[in-house]
Amino acid sequence: MFSQRASERLVAMKPERNGRRKTRILIADREAIFRFGFRRILATESDLRVVAEAENATQALHLTRQAKPEVIFLQAGIVPEKFADLIQRLRSASPGCKLVIAAAKLSEGESVGYIRAGAAGVILKSVDPALFIKCVRKVMQNEIWLPKQEVAQMAQVIESGPINLPRPADTLTQREKTVVSYLIQGWRNREIADHLSISEQTVKNHLRAVYDKVGVSDRLELVLYVIYQRIELPSVELTVEARN
């Protein structure tokens, strides 16, 4: 067992009363006051539980292996340059976990970059505390969380597609919908390929066909399109649980 420090905190595991399931959360932030305040906010909710705290990405990875959080809040200032690599390592340490970037400020398009790299959401530290709670619940429902202005910009991009855009329900094959379902859950191409017993190139071909049919250019636009259009997709809940 590693030594405990003020900046690296693993909460003692206690049995959950009445068998109620709680979403496990890790907070990684340099600012101790933010970690303290955020922990107090989450403690007011009976379905949320902070299981670990860290002050940098290295500690976050170390504690993720031990605490197995389902949602990780990571301060933008401690995100390494190779952010996509960090996400892969965190997911390997706690399969299926959702990563949310917490930032004091964001430059134009920065939050979209985080999502494209694999984050489940981006949130500004200055927002109403209640939005942090809502963010946790939304990403656990496999939705993307973005600052309001970024959502508006992306909605404009999607809505500016071809006027005669066909309805996806009429054009997507069952296999294409299945691939999109895994994509929404945060699975990588290789993971989808392995699970469906197809090649990674076949997964890429399916995704490219989907992009062309619905008029989007990348994964983020596709995820937002599915959310806005309320597209019904095959459930992969059981297979995701098995993967964990």
C-alpha atoms as a PDB file:
ATOM      1  CA  MET A   1       0.000   0.000   0.000  1.00  0.00           C
ATOM      2  CA  PHE A   2       1.406   3.406  -0.930  1.00  0.00           C
ATOM      3  CA  SER A   3       1.882   6.136   1.691  1.00  0.00           C
ATOM      4  CA  GLN A   4      -0.953   8.675   2.002  1.00  0.00           C
ATOM      5  CA  ARG A   5      -0.225  12.352   1.340  1.00  0.00           C
ATOM      6  CA  ALA A   6      -2.404  15.434   1.456  1.00  0.00           C
ATOM      7  CA  SER A   7      -2.179  15.680  -2.327  1.00  0.00           C
ATOM      8  CA  GLU A   8      -2.887  11.980  -2.943  1.00  0.00           C
ATOM      9  CA  ARG A   9      -5.959  10.669  -1.186  1.00  0.00           C
ATOM     10  CA  LEU A  10      -7.632   7.286  -1.466  1.00  0.00           C
ATOM     11  CA  VAL A  11     -10.892   7.211   0.441  1.00  0.00           C
ATOM     12  CA  ALA A  12     -11.414   4.155   2.643  1.00  0.00           C
ATOM     13  CA  MET A  13     -13.862   1.746   1.031  1.00  0.00           C
ATOM     14  CA  LYS A  14     -17.006   1.279   3.139  1.00  0.00           C
ATOM     15  CA  PRO A  15     -19.983  -0.944   2.368  1.00  0.00           C
ATOM     16  CA  GLU A  16     -22.800   0.971   0.729  1.00  0.00           C
ATOM     17  CA  ARG A  17     -25.883   1.175   2.893  1.00  0.00           C
ATOM     18  CA  ASN A  18     -29.120  -0.405   1.703  1.00  0.00           C
ATOM     19  CA  GLY A  19     -27.294  -1.767  -1.338  1.00  0.00           C
ATOM     20  CA  ARG A  20     -27.668   1.584  -3.121  1.00  0.00           C
ATOM     21  CA  ARG A  21     -25.235   1.949  -5.999  1.00  0.00           C
ATOM     22  CA  LYS A  22     -23.087   5.078  -6.029  1.00  0.00           C
ATOM     23  CA  THR A  23     -21.159   6.522  -8.960  1.00  0.00           C
ATOM     24  CA  ARG A  24     -17.454   6.411  -8.071  1.00  0.00           C
ATOM     25  CA  ILE A  25     -15.584   9.658  -8.753  1.00  0.00           C
ATOM     26  CA  LEU A  26     -11.909  10.671  -8.761  1.00  0.00           C
ATOM     27  CA  ILE A  27     -10.904  14.342  -8.567  1.00  0.00           C
ATOM     28  CA  ALA A  28      -7.493  15.336  -9.980  1.00  0.00           C
ATOM     29  CA  ASP A  29      -6.645  18.989  -9.468  1.00  0.00           C
ATOM     30  CA  ARG A  30      -3.622  20.962  -8.258  1.00  0.00           C
ATOM     31  CA  GLU A  31      -5.793  23.213  -6.109  1.00  0.00           C
ATOM     32  CA  ALA A  32      -6.554  21.630  -2.736  1.00  0.00           C
ATOM     33  CA  ILE A  33      -9.347  24.136  -2.106  1.00  0.00           C
ATOM     34  CA  PHE A  34     -11.085  23.055  -5.329  1.00  0.00           C
ATOM     35  CA  ARG A  35     -10.791  19.373  -4.424  1.00  0.00           C
ATOM     36  CA  PHE A  36     -12.182  20.094  -0.955  1.00  0.00           C
ATOM     37  CA  GLY A  37     -15.079  22.184  -2.249  1.00  0.00           C
ATOM     38  CA  PHE A  38     -15.928  19.751  -5.044  1.00  0.00           C
ATOM     39  CA  ARG A  39     -15.885  16.826  -2.624  1.00  0.00           C
ATOM     40  CA  ARG A  40     -18.292  18.677  -0.320  1.00  0.00           C
ATOM     41  CA  ILE A  41     -20.648  19.406  -3.231  1.00  0.00           C
ATOM     42  CA  LEU A  42     -20.718  15.771  -4.345  1.00  0.00           C
ATOM     43  CA  ALA A  43     -21.188  14.569  -0.767  1.00  0.00           C
ATOM     44  CA  THR A  44     -24.643  16.171  -0.738  1.00  0.00           C
ATOM     45  CA  GLU A  45     -25.843  13.606  -3.313  1.00  0.00           C
ATOM     46  CA  SER A  46     -26.729  10.101  -2.157  1.00  0.00           C
ATOM     47  CA  ASP A  47     -25.839   8.509  -5.510  1.00  0.00           C
ATOM     48  CA  LEU A  48     -22.360  10.047  -5.893  1.00  0.00           C
ATOM     49  CA  ARG A  49     -19.154   9.198  -4.059  1.00  0.00           C
ATOM     50  CA  VAL A  50     -15.600  10.570  -4.268  1.00  0.00           C
ATOM     51  CA  VAL A  51     -13.245   7.598  -3.929  1.00  0.00           C
ATOM     52  CA  ALA A  52      -9.902   9.300  -4.566  1.00  0.00           C
ATOM     53  CA  GLU A  53      -8.148  12.646  -5.017  1.00  0.00           C
ATOM     54  CA  ALA A  54      -4.900  13.548  -6.783  1.00  0.00           C
ATOM     55  CA  GLU A  55      -2.966  16.685  -7.680  1.00  0.00           C
ATOM     56  CA  ASN A  56      -1.409  15.568 -10.998  1.00  0.00           C
ATOM     57  CA  ALA A  57      -1.867  13.134 -13.868  1.00  0.00           C
ATOM     58  CA  THR A  58       0.647  10.608 -12.479  1.00  0.00           C
ATOM     59  CA  GLN A  59      -1.174  10.376  -9.161  1.00  0.00           C
ATOM     60  CA  ALA A  60      -4.500  10.215 -11.001  1.00  0.00           C
ATOM     61  CA  LEU A  61      -3.341   7.175 -12.965  1.00  0.00           C
ATOM     62  CA  HIS A  62      -1.948   5.524  -9.836  1.00  0.00           C
ATOM     63  CA  LEU A  63      -5.177   6.037  -7.896  1.00  0.00           C
ATOM     64  CA  THR A  64      -7.361   5.039 -10.832  1.00  0.00           C
ATOM     65  CA  ARG A  65      -5.744   1.600 -10.771  1.00  0.00           C
ATOM     66  CA  GLN A  66      -6.631   1.257  -7.078  1.00  0.00           C
ATOM     67  CA  ALA A  67     -10.003   2.990  -6.724  1.00  0.00           C
ATOM     68  CA  LYS A  68     -11.529   2.059 -10.131  1.00  0.00           C
ATOM     69  CA  PRO A  69     -13.535   5.294 -10.529  1.00  0.00           C
ATOM     70  CA  GLU A  70     -16.318   5.565 -13.089  1.00  0.00           C
ATOM     71  CA  VAL A  71     -15.893   9.316 -13.608  1.00  0.00           C
ATOM     72  CA  ILE A  72     -12.618  11.240 -13.431  1.00  0.00           C
ATOM     73  CA  PHE A  73     -12.511  15.049 -13.207  1.00  0.00           C
ATOM     74  CA  LEU A  74      -9.122  16.183 -14.463  1.00  0.00           C
ATOM     75  CA  GLN A  75      -7.908  19.782 -14.220  1.00  0.00           C
ATOM     76  CA  ALA A  76      -7.028  21.175 -17.663  1.00  0.00           C
ATOM     77  CA  GLY A  77      -3.728  22.544 -16.324  1.00  0.00           C
ATOM     78  CA  ILE A  78      -2.358  19.082 -15.499  1.00  0.00           C
ATOM     79  CA  VAL A  79      -3.332  17.452 -18.790  1.00  0.00           C
ATOM     80  CA  PRO A  80      -0.201  16.270 -20.657  1.00  0.00           C
ATOM     81  CA  GLU A  81       0.401  17.032 -24.331  1.00  0.00           C
ATOM     82  CA  LYS A  82      -0.394  13.452 -25.321  1.00  0.00           C
ATOM     83  CA  PHE A  83      -3.888  13.620 -23.858  1.00  0.00           C
ATOM     84  CA  ALA A  84      -5.239  10.746 -25.957  1.00  0.00           C
ATOM     85  CA  ASP A  85      -2.502   8.483 -24.523  1.00  0.00           C
ATOM     86  CA  LEU A  86      -3.482   9.453 -20.971  1.00  0.00           C
ATOM     87  CA  ILE A  87      -7.123   8.613 -21.682  1.00  0.00           C
ATOM     88  CA  GLN A  88      -6.140   5.189 -22.995  1.00  0.00           C
ATOM     89  CA  ARG A  89      -4.054   4.493 -19.885  1.00  0.00           C
ATOM     90  CA  LEU A  90      -6.813   5.653 -17.535  1.00  0.00           C
ATOM     91  CA  ARG A  91      -9.358   3.475 -19.328  1.00  0.00           C
ATOM     92  CA  SER A  92      -7.028   0.512 -19.085  1.00  0.00           C
ATOM     93  CA  ALA A  93      -6.711   1.173 -15.355  1.00  0.00           C
ATOM     94  CA  SER A  94     -10.490   1.500 -14.921  1.00  0.00           C
ATOM     95  CA  PRO A  95     -12.294   0.164 -18.013  1.00  0.00           C
ATOM     96  CA  GLY A  96     -15.279   2.224 -19.084  1.00  0.00           C
ATOM     97  CA  CYS A  97     -14.443   5.274 -16.962  1.00  0.00           C
ATOM     98  CA  LYS A  98     -15.543   8.696 -18.221  1.00  0.00           C
ATOM     99  CA  LEU A  99     -13.052  11.577 -18.233  1.00  0.00           C
ATOM    100  CA  VAL A 100     -14.228  15.173 -17.734  1.00  0.00           C
ATOM    101  CA  ILE A 101     -11.884  18.153 -18.104  1.00  0.00           C
ATOM    102  CA  ALA A 102     -12.390  20.947 -15.545  1.00  0.00           C
ATOM    103  CA  ALA A 103     -10.963  24.266 -16.768  1.00  0.00           C
ATOM    104  CA  ALA A 104     -10.707  27.793 -15.355  1.00  0.00           C
ATOM    105  CA  LYS A 105     -10.985  29.118 -18.921  1.00  0.00           C
ATOM    106  CA  LEU A 106     -11.028  27.757 -22.451  1.00  0.00           C
ATOM    107  CA  SER A 107      -9.669  29.108 -25.702  1.00  0.00           C
ATOM    108  CA  GLU A 108     -11.863  28.882 -28.802  1.00  0.00           C
ATOM    109  CA  GLY A 109     -12.332  25.287 -29.882  1.00  0.00           C
ATOM    110  CA  GLU A 110     -10.226  23.897 -27.009  1.00  0.00           C
ATOM    111  CA  SER A 111     -13.064  21.938 -25.427  1.00  0.00           C
ATOM    112  CA  VAL A 112     -13.943  20.354 -28.773  1.00  0.00           C
ATOM    113  CA  GLY A 113     -10.313  19.237 -29.014  1.00  0.00           C
ATOM    114  CA  TYR A 114     -10.588  17.495 -25.656  1.00  0.00           C
ATOM    115  CA  ILE A 115     -13.741  15.685 -26.776  1.00  0.00           C
ATOM    116  CA  ARG A 116     -12.126  14.629 -30.044  1.00  0.00           C
ATOM    117  CA  ALA A 117      -9.236  13.189 -28.017  1.00  0.00           C
ATOM    118  CA  GLY A 118     -11.675  11.015 -26.093  1.00  0.00           C
ATOM    119  CA  ALA A 119     -12.954  13.001 -23.100  1.00  0.00           C
ATOM    120  CA  ALA A 120     -16.608  12.561 -22.169  1.00  0.00           C
ATOM    121  CA  GLY A 121     -17.024  16.190 -21.209  1.00  0.00           C
ATOM    122  CA  VAL A 122     -15.561  19.609 -20.492  1.00  0.00           C
ATOM    123  CA  ILE A 123     -16.790  21.933 -17.741  1.00  0.00           C
ATOM    124  CA  LEU A 124     -15.777  25.408 -16.564  1.00  0.00           C
ATOM    125  CA  LYS A 125     -14.875  25.694 -12.881  1.00  0.00           C
ATOM    126  CA  SER A 126     -16.841  28.929 -12.632  1.00  0.00           C
ATOM    127  CA  VAL A 127     -20.250  27.347 -13.347  1.00  0.00           C
ATOM    128  CA  ASP A 128     -22.976  26.823 -10.791  1.00  0.00           C
ATOM    129  CA  PRO A 129     -22.010  23.863  -8.518  1.00  0.00           C
ATOM    130  CA  ALA A 130     -25.257  22.119  -9.427  1.00  0.00           C
ATOM    131  CA  LEU A 131     -23.961  21.744 -12.993  1.00  0.00           C
ATOM    132  CA  PHE A 132     -21.076  19.566 -11.805  1.00  0.00           C
ATOM    133  CA  ILE A 133     -23.601  17.129 -10.364  1.00  0.00           C
ATOM    134  CA  LYS A 134     -25.644  17.234 -13.562  1.00  0.00           C
ATOM    135  CA  CYS A 135     -22.458  16.691 -15.592  1.00  0.00           C
ATOM    136  CA  VAL A 136     -21.640  13.480 -13.685  1.00  0.00           C
ATOM    137  CA  ARG A 137     -25.076  12.061 -14.308  1.00  0.00           C
ATOM    138  CA  LYS A 138     -25.125  13.010 -17.989  1.00  0.00           C
ATOM    139  CA  VAL A 139     -21.748  11.454 -18.829  1.00  0.00           C
ATOM    140  CA  MET A 140     -22.797   8.324 -16.950  1.00  0.00           C
ATOM    141  CA  GLN A 141     -25.742   8.206 -19.382  1.00  0.00           C
ATOM    142  CA  ASN A 142     -23.188   8.265 -22.224  1.00  0.00           C
ATOM    143  CA  GLU A 143     -23.909  11.868 -23.185  1.00  0.00           C
ATOM    144  CA  ILE A 144     -21.322  14.483 -24.108  1.00  0.00           C
ATOM    145  CA  TRP A 145     -21.032  17.461 -21.730  1.00  0.00           C
ATOM    146  CA  LEU A 146     -19.779  20.731 -23.230  1.00  0.00           C
ATOM    147  CA  PRO A 147     -19.958  24.413 -22.230  1.00  0.00           C
ATOM    148  CA  LYS A 148     -23.165  25.948 -23.600  1.00  0.00           C
ATOM    149  CA  GLN A 149     -21.405  28.089 -26.208  1.00  0.00           C
ATOM    150  CA  GLU A 150     -19.543  25.076 -27.617  1.00  0.00           C
ATOM    151  CA  VAL A 151     -22.774  23.089 -27.930  1.00  0.00           C
ATOM    152  CA  ALA A 152     -24.372  25.975 -29.801  1.00  0.00           C
ATOM    153  CA  GLN A 153     -21.449  26.192 -32.222  1.00  0.00           C
ATOM    154  CA  MET A 154     -21.482  22.454 -32.873  1.00  0.00           C
ATOM    155  CA  ALA A 155     -25.247  22.482 -33.364  1.00  0.00           C
ATOM    156  CA  GLN A 156     -24.797  25.116 -36.069  1.00  0.00           C
ATOM    157  CA  VAL A 157     -22.199  22.949 -37.796  1.00  0.00           C
ATOM    158  CA  ILE A 158     -24.536  19.961 -37.768  1.00  0.00           C
ATOM    159  CA  GLU A 159     -27.562  21.960 -38.890  1.00  0.00           C
ATOM    160  CA  SER A 160     -25.612  23.433 -41.789  1.00  0.00           C
ATOM    161  CA  GLY A 161     -25.430  20.001 -43.487  1.00  0.00           C
ATOM    162  CA  PRO A 162     -27.216  19.098 -46.719  1.00  0.00           C
ATOM    163  CA  ILE A 163     -30.813  20.325 -46.865  1.00  0.00           C
ATOM    164  CA  ASN A 164     -32.096  16.961 -48.111  1.00  0.00           C
ATOM    165  CA  LEU A 165     -30.251  14.975 -45.476  1.00  0.00           C
ATOM    166  CA  PRO A 166     -31.910  11.509 -45.255  1.00  0.00           C
ATOM    167  CA  ARG A 167     -33.076  10.254 -41.888  1.00  0.00           C
ATOM    168  CA  PRO A 168     -30.433   7.894 -40.425  1.00  0.00           C
ATOM    169  CA  ALA A 169     -33.097   5.413 -39.342  1.00  0.00           C
ATOM    170  CA  ASP A 170     -33.893   4.906 -43.012  1.00  0.00           C
ATOM    171  CA  THR A 171     -30.327   4.558 -44.226  1.00  0.00           C
ATOM    172  CA  LEU A 172     -28.082   3.026 -41.540  1.00  0.00           C
ATOM    173  CA  THR A 173     -27.671  -0.746 -41.539  1.00  0.00           C
ATOM    174  CA  GLN A 174     -28.044  -2.724 -38.308  1.00  0.00           C
ATOM    175  CA  ARG A 175     -24.280  -3.316 -38.171  1.00  0.00           C
ATOM    176  CA  GLU A 176     -23.606   0.409 -38.652  1.00  0.00           C
ATOM    177  CA  LYS A 177     -25.982   1.218 -35.791  1.00  0.00           C
ATOM    178  CA  THR A 178     -24.233  -1.358 -33.607  1.00  0.00           C
ATOM    179  CA  VAL A 179     -20.827   0.191 -34.313  1.00  0.00           C
ATOM    180  CA  VAL A 180     -22.211   3.643 -33.495  1.00  0.00           C
ATOM    181  CA  SER A 181     -23.609   2.285 -30.198  1.00  0.00           C
ATOM    182  CA  TYR A 182     -20.156   1.156 -29.121  1.00  0.00           C
ATOM    183  CA  LEU A 183     -18.710   4.472 -30.271  1.00  0.00           C
ATOM    184  CA  ILE A 184     -21.189   6.372 -28.096  1.00  0.00           C
ATOM    185  CA  GLN A 185     -20.079   4.231 -25.131  1.00  0.00           C
ATOM    186  CA  GLY A 186     -16.502   5.394 -25.684  1.00  0.00           C
ATOM    187  CA  TRP A 187     -15.050   2.230 -27.226  1.00  0.00           C
ATOM    188  CA  ARG A 188     -12.028   2.588 -29.515  1.00  0.00           C
ATOM    189  CA  ASN A 189     -11.959   1.128 -33.041  1.00  0.00           C
ATOM    190  CA  ARG A 190      -9.727  -1.760 -32.018  1.00  0.00           C
ATOM    191  CA  GLU A 191     -11.962  -2.657 -29.059  1.00  0.00           C
ATOM    192  CA  ILE A 192     -15.055  -2.626 -31.275  1.00  0.00           C
ATOM    193  CA  ALA A 193     -13.313  -4.786 -33.861  1.00  0.00           C
ATOM    194  CA  ASP A 194     -12.198  -7.345 -31.282  1.00  0.00           C
ATOM    195  CA  HIS A 195     -15.651  -7.556 -29.719  1.00  0.00           C
ATOM    196  CA  LEU A 196     -17.485  -7.932 -33.042  1.00  0.00           C
ATOM    197  CA  SER A 197     -14.831 -10.292 -34.475  1.00  0.00           C
ATOM    198  CA  ILE A 198     -14.150  -8.037 -37.466  1.00  0.00           C
ATOM    199  CA  SER A 199     -11.077  -6.147 -38.584  1.00  0.00           C
ATOM    200  CA  GLU A 200     -10.281  -2.639 -37.375  1.00  0.00           C
ATOM    201  CA  GLN A 201     -10.371  -1.497 -41.004  1.00  0.00           C
ATOM    202  CA  THR A 202     -13.930  -2.823 -41.303  1.00  0.00           C
ATOM    203  CA  VAL A 203     -14.916  -0.724 -38.288  1.00  0.00           C
ATOM    204  CA  LYS A 204     -13.361   2.321 -39.955  1.00  0.00           C
ATOM    205  CA  ASN A 205     -15.252   1.555 -43.162  1.00  0.00           C
ATOM    206  CA  HIS A 206     -18.536   1.344 -41.252  1.00  0.00           C
ATOM    207  CA  LEU A 207     -17.870   4.670 -39.545  1.00  0.00           C
ATOM    208  CA  ARG A 208     -16.946   6.372 -42.802  1.00  0.00           C
ATOM    209  CA  ALA A 209     -20.185   5.121 -44.342  1.00  0.00           C
ATOM    210  CA  VAL A 210     -22.122   6.493 -41.362  1.00  0.00           C
ATOM    211  CA  TYR A 211     -20.361   9.877 -41.628  1.00  0.00           C
ATOM    212  CA  ASP A 212     -21.280  10.104 -45.303  1.00  0.00           C
ATOM    213  CA  LYS A 213     -24.915   9.120 -44.718  1.00  0.00           C
ATOM    214  CA  VAL A 214     -25.654  11.588 -41.916  1.00  0.00           C
ATOM    215  CA  GLY A 215     -23.399  14.402 -43.134  1.00  0.00           C
ATOM    216  CA  VAL A 216     -20.846  14.680 -40.305  1.00  0.00           C
ATOM    217  CA  SER A 217     -17.055  14.685 -40.464  1.00  0.00           C
ATOM    218  CA  ASP A 218     -15.833  13.084 -37.225  1.00  0.00           C
ATOM    219  CA  ARG A 219     -16.783  11.196 -34.051  1.00  0.00           C
ATOM    220  CA  LEU A 220     -17.714  14.264 -32.037  1.00  0.00           C
ATOM    221  CA  GLU A 221     -20.156  15.526 -34.644  1.00  0.00           C
ATOM    222  CA  LEU A 222     -21.616  12.030 -34.939  1.00  0.00           C
ATOM    223  CA  VAL A 223     -22.149  11.745 -31.161  1.00  0.00           C
ATOM    224  CA  LEU A 224     -23.813  15.159 -31.027  1.00  0.00           C
ATOM    225  CA  TYR A 225     -25.914  14.317 -34.091  1.00  0.00           C
ATOM    226  CA  VAL A 226     -27.199  11.146 -32.429  1.00  0.00           C
ATOM    227  CA  ILE A 227     -28.068  13.118 -29.283  1.00  0.00           C
ATOM    228  CA  TYR A 228     -29.823  15.957 -31.098  1.00  0.00           C
ATOM    229  CA  GLN A 229     -31.719  13.690 -33.474  1.00  0.00           C
ATOM    230  CA  ARG A 230     -32.581  11.206 -30.697  1.00  0.00           C
ATOM    231  CA  ILE A 231     -31.492   8.303 -32.868  1.00  0.00           C
ATOM    232  CA  GLU A 232     -32.474   4.923 -31.427  1.00  0.00           C
ATOM    233  CA  LEU A 233     -29.503   2.562 -31.309  1.00  0.00           C
ATOM    234  CA  PRO A 234     -29.065  -1.062 -30.190  1.00  0.00           C
ATOM    235  CA  SER A 235     -28.305  -1.358 -26.482  1.00  0.00           C
ATOM    236  CA  VAL A 236     -24.790  -2.488 -25.576  1.00  0.00           C
ATOM    237  CA  GLU A 237     -25.192  -2.076 -21.805  1.00  0.00           C
ATOM    238  CA  LEU A 238     -24.669  -5.734 -20.987  1.00  0.00           C
ATOM    239  CA  THR A 239     -21.558  -6.055 -23.117  1.00  0.00           C
ATOM    240  CA  VAL A 240     -20.092  -2.909 -21.609  1.00  0.00           C
ATOM    241  CA  GLU A 241     -20.621  -4.310 -18.111  1.00  0.00           C
ATOM    242  CA  ALA A 242     -18.967  -7.554 -19.154  1.00  0.00           C
ATOM    243  CA  ARG A 243     -16.017  -5.530 -20.451  1.00  0.00           C
ATOM    244  CA  ASN A 244     -15.573  -3.971 -17.020  1.00  0.00           C
END
